[in-house]
Amino acid sequence: MKIGELSKLTGVSIRMLRYYEEQGLLKPRRSASGYRDYDQREVQTLERVKLLNSAGMTLSTIQVFLPCVRGERPIFEPCDELRVLLNAQLREVDEKVAQLAHNRHVLAGFLQEIDEGDE
């Protein structure tokens, strides 16, 4: 399929598809006239990229994860690099959650002070 068809099918912009190709995530075949020719393998790769991105992973982390995916489903092979990356990603998420909890606590304090001042 051509790049426009892949974009419509996956909801990924043409610009992003080209970027993913530059980054080595997609490897479409080329027709004799030079057009990109995508197949189901690229659709599957894009679905995995979207899944990993929805988990908050950066593209550089996704590039490390993708080789650990096997089969038709997004199952990861247990490898040390994958464990290290998953633990790092979890730490980052935990830090963000802690920061948001702190922000919420501060904002709630401001609101409480305002409410008490109205009494």
N, C-alpha and C. Protein backbone atom coordinates (compact mmCIF):
# COMPACT_ATOMS: atom_id res chain seq x y z
N MET A 1 0.85 -1.18 0.00
CA MET A 1 0.00 0.00 0.00
C MET A 1 0.90 1.24 0.00
N LYS A 2 0.37 2.30 -0.50
CA LYS A 2 1.11 3.56 -0.57
C LYS A 2 1.04 4.29 0.77
N ILE A 3 1.85 5.31 0.93
CA ILE A 3 1.98 6.01 2.21
C ILE A 3 0.66 6.65 2.65
N GLY A 4 -0.11 7.19 1.71
CA GLY A 4 -1.39 7.81 2.05
C GLY A 4 -2.38 6.79 2.60
N GLU A 5 -2.37 5.61 2.01
CA GLU A 5 -3.26 4.55 2.48
C GLU A 5 -2.86 4.10 3.89
N LEU A 6 -1.57 3.97 4.12
CA LEU A 6 -1.09 3.58 5.44
C LEU A 6 -1.46 4.63 6.47
N SER A 7 -1.33 5.88 6.10
CA SER A 7 -1.67 6.97 7.00
C SER A 7 -3.15 6.91 7.40
N LYS A 8 -4.02 6.72 6.42
CA LYS A 8 -5.46 6.64 6.71
C LYS A 8 -5.80 5.42 7.55
N LEU A 9 -5.15 4.31 7.26
CA LEU A 9 -5.43 3.06 7.96
C LEU A 9 -5.01 3.11 9.43
N THR A 10 -3.87 3.75 9.69
CA THR A 10 -3.31 3.74 11.05
C THR A 10 -3.55 5.01 11.84
N GLY A 11 -3.95 6.09 11.15
CA GLY A 11 -4.13 7.36 11.84
C GLY A 11 -2.83 8.08 12.13
N VAL A 12 -1.75 7.65 11.50
CA VAL A 12 -0.44 8.27 11.68
C VAL A 12 -0.20 9.17 10.47
N SER A 13 0.20 10.41 10.72
CA SER A 13 0.38 11.36 9.62
C SER A 13 1.49 10.91 8.66
N ILE A 14 1.38 11.35 7.42
CA ILE A 14 2.40 11.04 6.42
C ILE A 14 3.75 11.56 6.87
N ARG A 15 3.77 12.74 7.43
CA ARG A 15 5.02 13.32 7.93
C ARG A 15 5.66 12.42 8.98
N MET A 16 4.84 11.90 9.91
CA MET A 16 5.36 11.03 10.96
C MET A 16 5.81 9.70 10.37
N LEU A 17 5.11 9.19 9.38
CA LEU A 17 5.53 7.94 8.74
C LEU A 17 6.90 8.09 8.12
N ARG A 18 7.13 9.22 7.47
CA ARG A 18 8.46 9.47 6.87
C ARG A 18 9.52 9.58 7.96
N TYR A 19 9.17 10.23 9.05
CA TYR A 19 10.10 10.36 10.17
C TYR A 19 10.44 8.99 10.75
N TYR A 20 9.43 8.16 10.95
CA TYR A 20 9.66 6.81 11.46
C TYR A 20 10.58 6.02 10.52
N GLU A 21 10.40 6.23 9.23
CA GLU A 21 11.28 5.56 8.26
C GLU A 21 12.71 6.07 8.41
N GLU A 22 12.88 7.39 8.54
CA GLU A 22 14.22 7.96 8.75
C GLU A 22 14.89 7.38 9.99
N GLN A 23 14.08 7.13 11.02
CA GLN A 23 14.60 6.62 12.28
C GLN A 23 14.80 5.10 12.27
N GLY A 24 14.42 4.45 11.18
CA GLY A 24 14.63 3.02 11.04
C GLY A 24 13.53 2.14 11.60
N LEU A 25 12.41 2.74 12.03
CA LEU A 25 11.31 1.95 12.56
C LEU A 25 10.52 1.26 11.45
N LEU A 26 10.40 1.92 10.32
CA LEU A 26 9.69 1.37 9.17
C LEU A 26 10.68 1.12 8.05
N LYS A 27 10.47 0.02 7.36
CA LYS A 27 11.36 -0.34 6.26
C LYS A 27 10.54 -0.79 5.05
N PRO A 28 9.84 0.17 4.43
CA PRO A 28 9.00 -0.22 3.29
C PRO A 28 9.85 -0.61 2.08
N ARG A 29 9.27 -1.47 1.26
CA ARG A 29 9.92 -1.77 -0.01
C ARG A 29 9.70 -0.57 -0.92
N ARG A 30 10.46 -0.51 -1.98
CA ARG A 30 10.29 0.56 -2.97
C ARG A 30 9.88 -0.06 -4.30
N SER A 31 8.93 0.60 -4.95
CA SER A 31 8.52 0.14 -6.27
C SER A 31 9.59 0.53 -7.29
N ALA A 32 9.45 0.03 -8.49
CA ALA A 32 10.41 0.36 -9.55
C ALA A 32 10.49 1.86 -9.78
N SER A 33 9.39 2.55 -9.57
CA SER A 33 9.37 4.00 -9.77
C SER A 33 9.77 4.77 -8.50
N GLY A 34 10.13 4.05 -7.43
CA GLY A 34 10.63 4.71 -6.23
C GLY A 34 9.60 4.97 -5.14
N TYR A 35 8.34 4.61 -5.39
CA TYR A 35 7.31 4.82 -4.38
C TYR A 35 7.47 3.83 -3.24
N ARG A 36 7.15 4.29 -2.05
CA ARG A 36 7.17 3.40 -0.88
C ARG A 36 6.01 2.41 -1.01
N ASP A 37 6.27 1.15 -0.64
CA ASP A 37 5.24 0.12 -0.69
C ASP A 37 5.21 -0.54 0.68
N TYR A 38 4.17 -0.21 1.45
CA TYR A 38 4.03 -0.72 2.81
C TYR A 38 3.17 -1.97 2.80
N ASP A 39 3.44 -2.87 3.75
CA ASP A 39 2.62 -4.07 3.88
C ASP A 39 2.15 -4.21 5.33
N GLN A 40 1.58 -5.36 5.64
CA GLN A 40 1.01 -5.58 6.97
C GLN A 40 2.07 -5.48 8.07
N ARG A 41 3.30 -5.78 7.75
CA ARG A 41 4.38 -5.69 8.74
C ARG A 41 4.52 -4.26 9.27
N GLU A 42 4.43 -3.28 8.39
CA GLU A 42 4.52 -1.89 8.83
C GLU A 42 3.30 -1.47 9.64
N VAL A 43 2.12 -1.98 9.26
CA VAL A 43 0.90 -1.69 10.02
C VAL A 43 1.08 -2.21 11.45
N GLN A 44 1.57 -3.42 11.57
CA GLN A 44 1.80 -4.02 12.88
C GLN A 44 2.84 -3.23 13.68
N THR A 45 3.91 -2.82 13.02
CA THR A 45 4.93 -2.01 13.69
C THR A 45 4.33 -0.71 14.20
N LEU A 46 3.51 -0.06 13.39
CA LEU A 46 2.90 1.20 13.81
C LEU A 46 1.96 1.01 14.99
N GLU A 47 1.21 -0.08 15.01
CA GLU A 47 0.33 -0.34 16.14
C GLU A 47 1.15 -0.53 17.42
N ARG A 48 2.29 -1.19 17.30
CA ARG A 48 3.16 -1.38 18.46
C ARG A 48 3.77 -0.05 18.91
N VAL A 49 4.19 0.76 17.96
CA VAL A 49 4.74 2.07 18.28
C VAL A 49 3.69 2.91 19.00
N LYS A 50 2.46 2.89 18.51
CA LYS A 50 1.39 3.66 19.15
C LYS A 50 1.13 3.16 20.57
N LEU A 51 1.15 1.85 20.75
CA LEU A 51 0.93 1.26 22.07
C LEU A 51 2.03 1.70 23.04
N LEU A 52 3.27 1.59 22.60
CA LEU A 52 4.39 1.97 23.46
C LEU A 52 4.39 3.47 23.72
N ASN A 53 4.03 4.25 22.72
CA ASN A 53 3.95 5.69 22.89
C ASN A 53 2.86 6.06 23.88
N SER A 54 1.75 5.32 23.85
CA SER A 54 0.66 5.60 24.80
C SER A 54 1.07 5.30 26.23
N ALA A 55 2.11 4.48 26.38
CA ALA A 55 2.64 4.20 27.72
C ALA A 55 3.64 5.28 28.16
N GLY A 56 3.84 6.28 27.30
CA GLY A 56 4.71 7.39 27.65
C GLY A 56 6.15 7.20 27.24
N MET A 57 6.43 6.20 26.43
CA MET A 57 7.81 5.95 26.02
C MET A 57 8.24 6.91 24.93
N THR A 58 9.50 7.27 24.98
CA THR A 58 10.07 8.13 23.95
C THR A 58 10.42 7.27 22.73
N LEU A 59 10.65 7.93 21.62
CA LEU A 59 10.99 7.21 20.40
C LEU A 59 12.29 6.43 20.57
N SER A 60 13.26 6.99 21.26
CA SER A 60 14.51 6.26 21.44
C SER A 60 14.31 4.99 22.25
N THR A 61 13.42 5.03 23.23
CA THR A 61 13.10 3.83 24.01
C THR A 61 12.33 2.84 23.16
N ILE A 62 11.40 3.33 22.37
CA ILE A 62 10.63 2.46 21.48
C ILE A 62 11.54 1.74 20.51
N GLN A 63 12.56 2.42 20.02
CA GLN A 63 13.50 1.80 19.09
C GLN A 63 14.21 0.61 19.72
N VAL A 64 14.43 0.67 21.02
CA VAL A 64 15.07 -0.44 21.72
C VAL A 64 14.05 -1.56 21.96
N PHE A 65 12.81 -1.19 22.25
CA PHE A 65 11.77 -2.17 22.55
C PHE A 65 11.36 -2.99 21.34
N LEU A 66 11.22 -2.38 20.20
CA LEU A 66 10.64 -3.07 19.04
C LEU A 66 11.33 -4.39 18.69
N PRO A 67 12.65 -4.48 18.74
CA PRO A 67 13.26 -5.77 18.42
C PRO A 67 12.89 -6.88 19.42
N CYS A 68 12.41 -6.50 20.59
CA CYS A 68 12.02 -7.50 21.60
C CYS A 68 10.59 -7.99 21.41
N VAL A 69 9.88 -7.47 20.42
CA VAL A 69 8.50 -7.89 20.16
C VAL A 69 8.53 -9.08 19.23
N ARG A 70 7.69 -10.06 19.53
CA ARG A 70 7.66 -11.25 18.70
C ARG A 70 6.22 -11.60 18.34
N GLY A 71 6.05 -12.30 17.26
CA GLY A 71 4.74 -12.80 16.87
C GLY A 71 3.77 -11.70 16.46
N GLU A 72 2.51 -12.07 16.47
CA GLU A 72 1.45 -11.16 16.04
C GLU A 72 1.01 -10.20 17.13
N ARG A 73 1.18 -10.60 18.39
CA ARG A 73 0.72 -9.77 19.50
C ARG A 73 1.89 -8.98 20.08
N PRO A 74 1.58 -7.90 20.81
CA PRO A 74 2.68 -7.11 21.40
C PRO A 74 3.23 -7.76 22.67
N ILE A 75 3.87 -8.93 22.47
CA ILE A 75 4.50 -9.64 23.58
C ILE A 75 6.00 -9.38 23.48
N PHE A 76 6.63 -9.14 24.60
CA PHE A 76 8.05 -8.83 24.61
C PHE A 76 8.85 -10.02 25.11
N GLU A 77 9.96 -10.28 24.45
CA GLU A 77 10.85 -11.33 24.91
C GLU A 77 11.58 -10.85 26.15
N PRO A 78 11.71 -11.69 27.15
CA PRO A 78 12.43 -11.25 28.34
C PRO A 78 13.93 -11.14 28.04
N CYS A 79 14.43 -9.94 28.08
CA CYS A 79 15.86 -9.73 27.90
C CYS A 79 16.30 -8.66 28.91
N ASP A 80 17.56 -8.72 29.28
CA ASP A 80 18.06 -7.80 30.30
C ASP A 80 17.87 -6.35 29.92
N GLU A 81 18.12 -6.01 28.65
CA GLU A 81 17.96 -4.64 28.21
C GLU A 81 16.52 -4.18 28.37
N LEU A 82 15.61 -5.07 28.10
CA LEU A 82 14.19 -4.74 28.22
C LEU A 82 13.82 -4.49 29.68
N ARG A 83 14.31 -5.33 30.58
CA ARG A 83 14.05 -5.14 32.01
C ARG A 83 14.59 -3.80 32.49
N VAL A 84 15.81 -3.49 32.09
CA VAL A 84 16.42 -2.22 32.50
C VAL A 84 15.58 -1.05 32.00
N LEU A 85 15.16 -1.10 30.74
CA LEU A 85 14.35 -0.02 30.18
C LEU A 85 13.00 0.08 30.86
N LEU A 86 12.35 -1.05 31.10
CA LEU A 86 11.05 -1.02 31.77
C LEU A 86 11.17 -0.44 33.17
N ASN A 87 12.19 -0.83 33.89
CA ASN A 87 12.40 -0.28 35.24
C ASN A 87 12.66 1.21 35.18
N ALA A 88 13.43 1.66 34.21
CA ALA A 88 13.70 3.09 34.07
C ALA A 88 12.42 3.85 33.73
N GLN A 89 11.61 3.27 32.83
CA GLN A 89 10.35 3.91 32.47
C GLN A 89 9.41 3.98 33.68
N LEU A 90 9.35 2.92 34.46
CA LEU A 90 8.51 2.93 35.66
C LEU A 90 8.98 3.98 36.66
N ARG A 91 10.28 4.12 36.83
CA ARG A 91 10.80 5.15 37.73
C ARG A 91 10.40 6.54 37.25
N GLU A 92 10.50 6.77 35.94
CA GLU A 92 10.10 8.07 35.39
C GLU A 92 8.62 8.34 35.64
N VAL A 93 7.79 7.35 35.42
CA VAL A 93 6.35 7.51 35.66
C VAL A 93 6.09 7.77 37.13
N ASP A 94 6.75 7.02 38.01
CA ASP A 94 6.58 7.23 39.45
C ASP A 94 6.99 8.64 39.86
N GLU A 95 8.08 9.15 39.28
CA GLU A 95 8.52 10.51 39.58
C GLU A 95 7.48 11.54 39.13
N LYS A 96 6.92 11.32 37.96
CA LYS A 96 5.89 12.23 37.45
C LYS A 96 4.65 12.19 38.33
N VAL A 97 4.26 10.99 38.75
CA VAL A 97 3.09 10.85 39.63
C VAL A 97 3.35 11.58 40.94
N ALA A 98 4.53 11.41 41.49
CA ALA A 98 4.87 12.08 42.75
C ALA A 98 4.84 13.60 42.58
N GLN A 99 5.37 14.09 41.46
CA GLN A 99 5.37 15.52 41.21
C GLN A 99 3.95 16.03 41.06
N LEU A 100 3.11 15.30 40.36
CA LEU A 100 1.72 15.71 40.21
C LEU A 100 0.98 15.69 41.54
N ALA A 101 1.25 14.70 42.37
CA ALA A 101 0.63 14.65 43.69
C ALA A 101 1.06 15.86 44.53
N HIS A 102 2.32 16.22 44.42
CA HIS A 102 2.80 17.41 45.14
C HIS A 102 2.09 18.66 44.62
N ASN A 103 2.02 18.79 43.29
CA ASN A 103 1.34 19.94 42.69
C ASN A 103 -0.11 20.02 43.16
N ARG A 104 -0.79 18.88 43.20
CA ARG A 104 -2.17 18.85 43.63
C ARG A 104 -2.29 19.29 45.09
N HIS A 105 -1.38 18.82 45.92
CA HIS A 105 -1.38 19.18 47.34
C HIS A 105 -1.23 20.70 47.52
N VAL A 106 -0.31 21.29 46.77
CA VAL A 106 -0.08 22.73 46.86
C VAL A 106 -1.32 23.49 46.40
N LEU A 107 -1.89 23.08 45.27
CA LEU A 107 -3.08 23.76 44.75
C LEU A 107 -4.25 23.63 45.71
N ALA A 108 -4.43 22.43 46.28
CA ALA A 108 -5.51 22.23 47.24
C ALA A 108 -5.30 23.11 48.46
N GLY A 109 -4.06 23.31 48.88
CA GLY A 109 -3.76 24.20 50.00
C GLY A 109 -4.15 25.63 49.69
N PHE A 110 -3.82 26.08 48.47
CA PHE A 110 -4.21 27.43 48.06
C PHE A 110 -5.73 27.59 48.11
N LEU A 111 -6.43 26.61 47.58
CA LEU A 111 -7.89 26.67 47.56
C LEU A 111 -8.45 26.67 48.98
N GLN A 112 -7.88 25.87 49.84
CA GLN A 112 -8.34 25.83 51.23
C GLN A 112 -8.13 27.17 51.91
N GLU A 113 -6.99 27.81 51.67
CA GLU A 113 -6.73 29.12 52.26
C GLU A 113 -7.74 30.15 51.75
N ILE A 114 -8.06 30.09 50.47
CA ILE A 114 -9.03 31.02 49.90
C ILE A 114 -10.40 30.78 50.53
N ASP A 115 -10.79 29.50 50.63
CA ASP A 115 -12.10 29.17 51.21
C ASP A 115 -12.18 29.60 52.66
N GLU A 116 -11.12 29.41 53.43
CA GLU A 116 -11.11 29.82 54.84
C GLU A 116 -11.15 31.33 54.98
N GLY A 117 -10.57 32.04 54.01
CA GLY A 117 -10.59 33.50 54.04
C GLY A 117 -11.96 34.07 53.76
N ASP A 118 -12.78 33.30 53.06
CA ASP A 118 -14.16 33.74 52.73
C ASP A 118 -15.11 33.59 53.92
N GLU A 119 -14.71 32.84 54.91
CA GLU A 119 -15.62 32.56 56.03
C GLU A 119 -15.68 33.70 57.00
